[in-house]
C-alpha cells in the first residue's frame, strides 16, 4: 500500500466529530453597546477617522452643495462620475461653480482610455450601506458604477446614507439580504488603501485611493451636533 493510500485509509477510519454550529448572532452581541443610533454613528465615524478618513456630515437636500463647497476648498483637476442619479445631480451642481473640476464620465470600455482614466484626480460613488463596529462602507459595484470609479483615482468620494448603517457585519449580511444575490465584486472599505508590507512602514495609496472623503447624509431626526459634539 502506498503512503498516500495509507493516509487516506486512516482518515476514512477516524471517528467523525460533529462540530457545533457557531452562534453568530451571539458572537456579535459584543457590539451591543453601540445599539443606540447616535452612539453607533459616532463609533463608525471614530473608527473611520482613525484610519485617515475625512467625514462631511450633510443632508439629503444639501449634499451636492456641501460637496461643491468642499471641492472649492480642496481643488481637484478632474472628477470621475458615472451616469447615475447622484452622478448627474453632482455634475449639474458643479456647472455653476467656479474652478470646478473637469468632469470625466465613465461611459466607455476601460481599454480605450486607460491613460486618461489613470490621470483622473478623484472618483465619486454611492455606498450601499455602512458597518458601525468596524468603521466600514460597503459598495455594490454594477455596470453603471463599476468598482474602477472608486479604486483608480487617488481620491475616492463616497456618498453614504447614514440611515443604512448596520451595527456589525452579521447585521449587514442579514438586513441587506446579501445571500439573495451579490455583485461580482462587493467592496468593503475601511479607510484609504494602505499597506505596511515594506519594512512595516505604513504607506497609503498602494492598491487604491490614498484619500477617502465620506459624505454622510444624516436622517432628519439626527442633528449634526449630535454626532460631532461640537457641531459641524
Protein backbone atom coordinates (compact mmCIF):
# COMPACT_ATOMS: atom_id res chain seq x y z
CA UNK A 1 0.00 0.00 0.00
CA UNK A 2 1.34 3.42 -0.93
CA UNK A 3 1.85 6.15 1.64
CA UNK A 4 -1.00 8.13 0.09
CA UNK A 5 -3.40 5.21 0.28
CA UNK A 6 -2.39 4.52 3.88
CA UNK A 7 -3.09 8.12 4.92
CA UNK A 8 -6.49 8.15 3.18
CA UNK A 9 -7.40 4.84 4.81
CA UNK A 10 -6.63 6.23 8.28
CA UNK A 11 -8.63 9.37 7.59
CA UNK A 12 -11.65 7.37 6.48
CA UNK A 13 -11.41 5.12 9.53
CA UNK A 14 -11.11 8.00 12.01
CA UNK A 15 -14.25 8.70 14.06
CA UNK A 16 -16.22 11.68 12.82
CA UNK A 17 -16.75 14.58 15.17
CA UNK A 18 -19.84 16.72 14.85
CA UNK A 19 -18.98 20.39 15.06
CA UNK A 20 -21.30 22.69 16.93
CA UNK A 21 -22.96 25.31 14.76
CA UNK A 22 -21.42 28.70 15.65
CA UNK A 23 -23.69 31.19 17.36
CA UNK A 24 -23.04 34.12 15.02
CA UNK A 25 -25.74 36.33 16.47
CA UNK A 26 -24.37 35.78 19.96
CA UNK A 27 -20.82 36.41 18.78
CA UNK A 28 -21.73 39.86 17.51
CA UNK A 29 -23.58 40.83 20.69
CA UNK A 30 -20.30 42.31 21.95
CA UNK A 31 -21.12 45.34 19.82
CA UNK A 32 -24.48 45.87 21.51
CA UNK A 33 -23.13 48.93 23.33
CA UNK A 34 -23.42 50.77 20.00
CA UNK A 35 -27.08 49.82 19.61
CA UNK A 36 -28.14 53.46 20.13
CA UNK A 37 -28.32 55.16 16.71
CA UNK A 38 -26.24 58.20 17.63
CA UNK A 39 -23.66 56.13 19.53
CA UNK A 40 -23.42 53.88 16.51
CA UNK A 41 -22.77 56.79 14.16
CA UNK A 42 -20.16 58.26 16.49
CA UNK A 43 -18.38 54.92 16.78
CA UNK A 44 -18.42 54.44 13.00
CA UNK A 45 -17.02 57.94 12.47
CA UNK A 46 -14.31 57.45 15.09
CA UNK A 47 -13.22 54.16 13.51
CA UNK A 48 -13.05 55.67 10.04
CA UNK A 49 -11.22 58.80 11.14
CA UNK A 50 -8.68 56.67 12.98
CA UNK A 51 -7.51 55.40 9.58
CA UNK A 52 -7.28 58.75 7.79
CA UNK A 53 -10.85 59.13 6.50
CA UNK A 54 -12.48 62.57 6.20
CA UNK A 55 -16.19 62.76 7.00
CA UNK A 56 -18.53 65.53 5.92
CA UNK A 57 -21.91 65.35 7.68
CA UNK A 58 -24.67 66.61 5.42
CA UNK A 59 -28.36 66.38 4.50
CA UNK A 60 -30.15 64.85 1.53
CA UNK A 61 -31.13 68.25 0.15
CA UNK A 62 -27.66 69.72 0.66
CA UNK A 63 -25.03 67.09 -0.06
CA UNK A 64 -24.27 68.30 -3.60
CA UNK A 65 -23.85 71.91 -2.44
CA UNK A 66 -21.73 70.80 0.53
CA UNK A 67 -19.51 68.72 -1.74
CA UNK A 68 -19.17 71.63 -4.17
CA UNK A 69 -18.01 73.77 -1.26
CA UNK A 70 -15.51 71.12 -0.17
CA UNK A 71 -14.14 70.88 -3.70
CA UNK A 72 -13.74 74.66 -3.79
CA UNK A 73 -11.60 74.41 -0.65
CA UNK A 74 -9.78 71.29 -1.87
CA UNK A 75 -9.38 71.81 -5.65
CA UNK A 76 -9.21 68.74 -7.89
CA UNK A 77 -8.22 68.82 -11.55
CA UNK A 78 -10.79 66.24 -12.60
CA UNK A 79 -13.64 64.17 -11.22
CA UNK A 80 -14.79 60.75 -12.47
CA UNK A 81 -18.58 60.29 -12.48
CA UNK A 82 -20.95 57.54 -13.56
CA UNK A 83 -24.27 58.02 -15.30
CA UNK A 84 -26.32 57.57 -12.13
CA UNK A 85 -28.85 59.82 -10.39
CA UNK A 86 -26.26 61.03 -7.87
CA UNK A 87 -23.62 61.45 -10.59
CA UNK A 88 -25.92 63.60 -12.72
CA UNK A 89 -27.02 65.66 -9.72
CA UNK A 90 -23.43 66.46 -8.77
CA UNK A 91 -22.48 67.30 -12.36
CA UNK A 92 -25.41 69.73 -12.59
CA UNK A 93 -24.38 71.39 -9.32
CA UNK A 94 -20.78 71.82 -10.44
CA UNK A 95 -21.84 73.53 -13.68
CA UNK A 96 -22.42 76.74 -11.70
CA UNK A 97 -19.26 76.51 -9.58
CA UNK A 98 -16.13 78.48 -10.44
CA UNK A 99 -12.94 76.44 -10.82
CA UNK A 100 -14.90 73.20 -10.55
CA UNK A 101 -13.06 70.01 -11.51
CA UNK A 102 -13.31 68.83 -15.09
CA UNK A 103 -16.00 66.14 -15.28
CA UNK A 104 -14.94 62.82 -16.77
CA UNK A 105 -17.78 60.37 -17.43
CA UNK A 106 -17.22 56.64 -17.12
CA UNK A 107 -19.07 55.87 -20.32
CA UNK A 108 -16.82 53.54 -22.33
CA UNK A 109 -14.75 50.40 -22.10
CA UNK A 110 -11.61 50.79 -20.00
CA UNK A 111 -9.23 49.52 -22.68
CA UNK A 112 -9.86 52.53 -24.90
CA UNK A 113 -8.82 55.26 -22.43
CA UNK A 114 -6.56 53.85 -19.73
CA UNK A 115 -4.07 56.72 -19.93
CA UNK A 116 -6.78 59.33 -19.32
CA UNK A 117 -8.54 57.22 -16.68
CA UNK A 118 -5.41 56.76 -14.57
CA UNK A 119 -4.80 60.51 -14.67
CA UNK A 120 -8.16 61.43 -13.08
CA UNK A 121 -7.80 63.09 -9.66
CA UNK A 122 -10.99 61.95 -7.90
CA UNK A 123 -13.85 59.49 -8.26
CA UNK A 124 -17.39 59.78 -6.87
CA UNK A 125 -19.63 56.82 -5.97
CA UNK A 126 -22.51 55.91 -3.70
CA UNK A 127 -22.24 53.38 -0.86
CA UNK A 128 -24.82 50.68 -0.31
CA UNK A 129 -24.56 50.66 3.49
CA UNK A 130 -22.17 51.05 6.41
CA UNK A 131 -20.93 48.87 9.29
CA UNK A 132 -20.52 50.61 12.64
CA UNK A 133 -18.41 48.06 14.52
CA UNK A 134 -15.51 48.18 12.09
CA UNK A 135 -15.94 51.66 10.58
CA UNK A 136 -16.72 50.37 7.10
CA UNK A 137 -18.58 51.27 3.93
CA UNK A 138 -19.97 48.61 1.61
CA UNK A 139 -20.02 49.40 -2.11
CA UNK A 140 -22.11 47.44 -4.60
CA UNK A 141 -20.43 47.97 -7.99
CA UNK A 142 -22.54 47.39 -11.09
CA UNK A 143 -22.39 48.14 -14.81
CA UNK A 144 -23.47 51.74 -14.28
CA UNK A 145 -20.96 52.42 -11.50
CA UNK A 146 -18.13 49.87 -11.69
CA UNK A 147 -15.51 49.40 -8.98
CA UNK A 148 -12.94 51.24 -11.15
CA UNK A 149 -14.59 54.55 -10.20
CA UNK A 150 -13.73 54.02 -6.53
CA UNK A 151 -10.41 52.19 -6.88
CA UNK A 152 -8.41 54.02 -9.56
CA UNK A 153 -8.47 57.78 -8.69
CA UNK A 154 -6.20 58.88 -5.80
CA UNK A 155 -9.21 60.44 -4.03
CA UNK A 156 -12.43 58.48 -3.52
CA UNK A 157 -15.53 60.47 -2.54
CA UNK A 158 -18.36 58.28 -1.25
CA UNK A 159 -21.99 59.31 -0.76
CA UNK A 160 -23.31 57.42 2.27
CA UNK A 161 -26.88 57.36 3.57
CA UNK A 162 -26.29 57.17 7.34
CA UNK A 163 -29.72 55.57 7.80
CA UNK A 164 -28.27 52.41 6.23
CA UNK A 165 -25.63 52.00 8.96
CA UNK A 166 -25.68 48.46 10.36
CA UNK A 167 -24.41 47.52 13.80
CA UNK A 168 -21.97 44.86 12.56
CA UNK A 169 -21.07 42.70 9.56
CA UNK A 170 -23.53 39.97 10.52
CA UNK A 171 -26.36 42.51 10.72
CA UNK A 172 -25.43 43.82 7.27
CA UNK A 173 -25.48 40.32 5.80
CA UNK A 174 -28.90 39.61 7.28
CA UNK A 175 -30.55 43.02 6.96
CA UNK A 176 -29.33 43.66 3.42
CA UNK A 177 -30.14 40.08 2.30
CA UNK A 178 -26.72 39.66 0.74
CA UNK A 179 -27.29 35.91 0.32
CA UNK A 180 -30.06 36.66 -2.19
CA UNK A 181 -27.54 37.98 -4.70
CA UNK A 182 -24.25 39.84 -4.74
CA UNK A 183 -22.24 41.60 -7.44
CA UNK A 184 -19.07 40.07 -8.81
CA UNK A 185 -17.02 42.34 -6.56
CA UNK A 186 -18.59 43.74 -3.41
CA UNK A 187 -16.24 46.25 -1.79
CA UNK A 188 -15.75 46.72 1.96
CA UNK A 189 -13.89 49.98 2.56
CA UNK A 190 -12.45 50.93 5.94
CA UNK A 191 -10.37 53.96 5.05
CA UNK A 192 -7.98 54.69 2.18
CA UNK A 193 -5.87 51.94 0.66
CA UNK A 194 -2.84 51.19 2.84
CA UNK A 195 -0.08 48.65 3.32
CA UNK A 196 2.87 48.05 5.62
CA UNK A 197 4.45 45.26 3.59
CA UNK A 198 7.77 47.08 3.12
CA UNK A 199 9.76 47.25 6.37
CA UNK A 200 6.47 47.59 8.33
CA UNK A 201 6.22 51.22 7.19
CA UNK A 202 2.60 52.30 6.69
CA UNK A 203 2.02 53.72 3.20
CA UNK A 204 -1.27 54.96 1.70
CA UNK A 205 -2.46 54.51 -1.86
CA UNK A 206 -0.63 51.27 -2.60
CA UNK A 207 -3.59 49.32 -4.01
CA UNK A 208 -6.24 52.01 -4.41
CA UNK A 209 -7.06 55.59 -3.39
CA UNK A 210 -4.79 57.24 -0.84
CA UNK A 211 -7.55 59.59 0.35
CA UNK A 212 -11.18 58.95 1.27
CA UNK A 213 -13.93 61.53 1.81
CA UNK A 214 -17.34 60.31 3.01
CA UNK A 215 -20.43 62.47 2.55
CA UNK A 216 -22.53 61.09 5.41
CA UNK A 217 -26.17 62.04 4.84
CA UNK A 218 -27.90 62.19 8.22
CA UNK A 219 -31.61 61.39 8.65
CA UNK A 220 -33.80 64.41 9.58
CA UNK A 221 -34.20 63.42 13.23
CA UNK A 222 -30.46 63.49 13.98
CA UNK A 223 -28.71 66.83 14.36
CA UNK A 224 -25.17 67.26 13.13
CA UNK A 225 -24.04 68.42 16.57
CA UNK A 226 -25.37 65.12 17.99
CA UNK A 227 -22.79 63.14 16.06
CA UNK A 228 -20.00 65.72 16.14
CA UNK A 229 -20.39 67.02 19.66
CA UNK A 230 -19.10 70.50 18.84
CA UNK A 231 -21.20 70.99 15.74
CA UNK A 232 -20.29 70.83 12.10
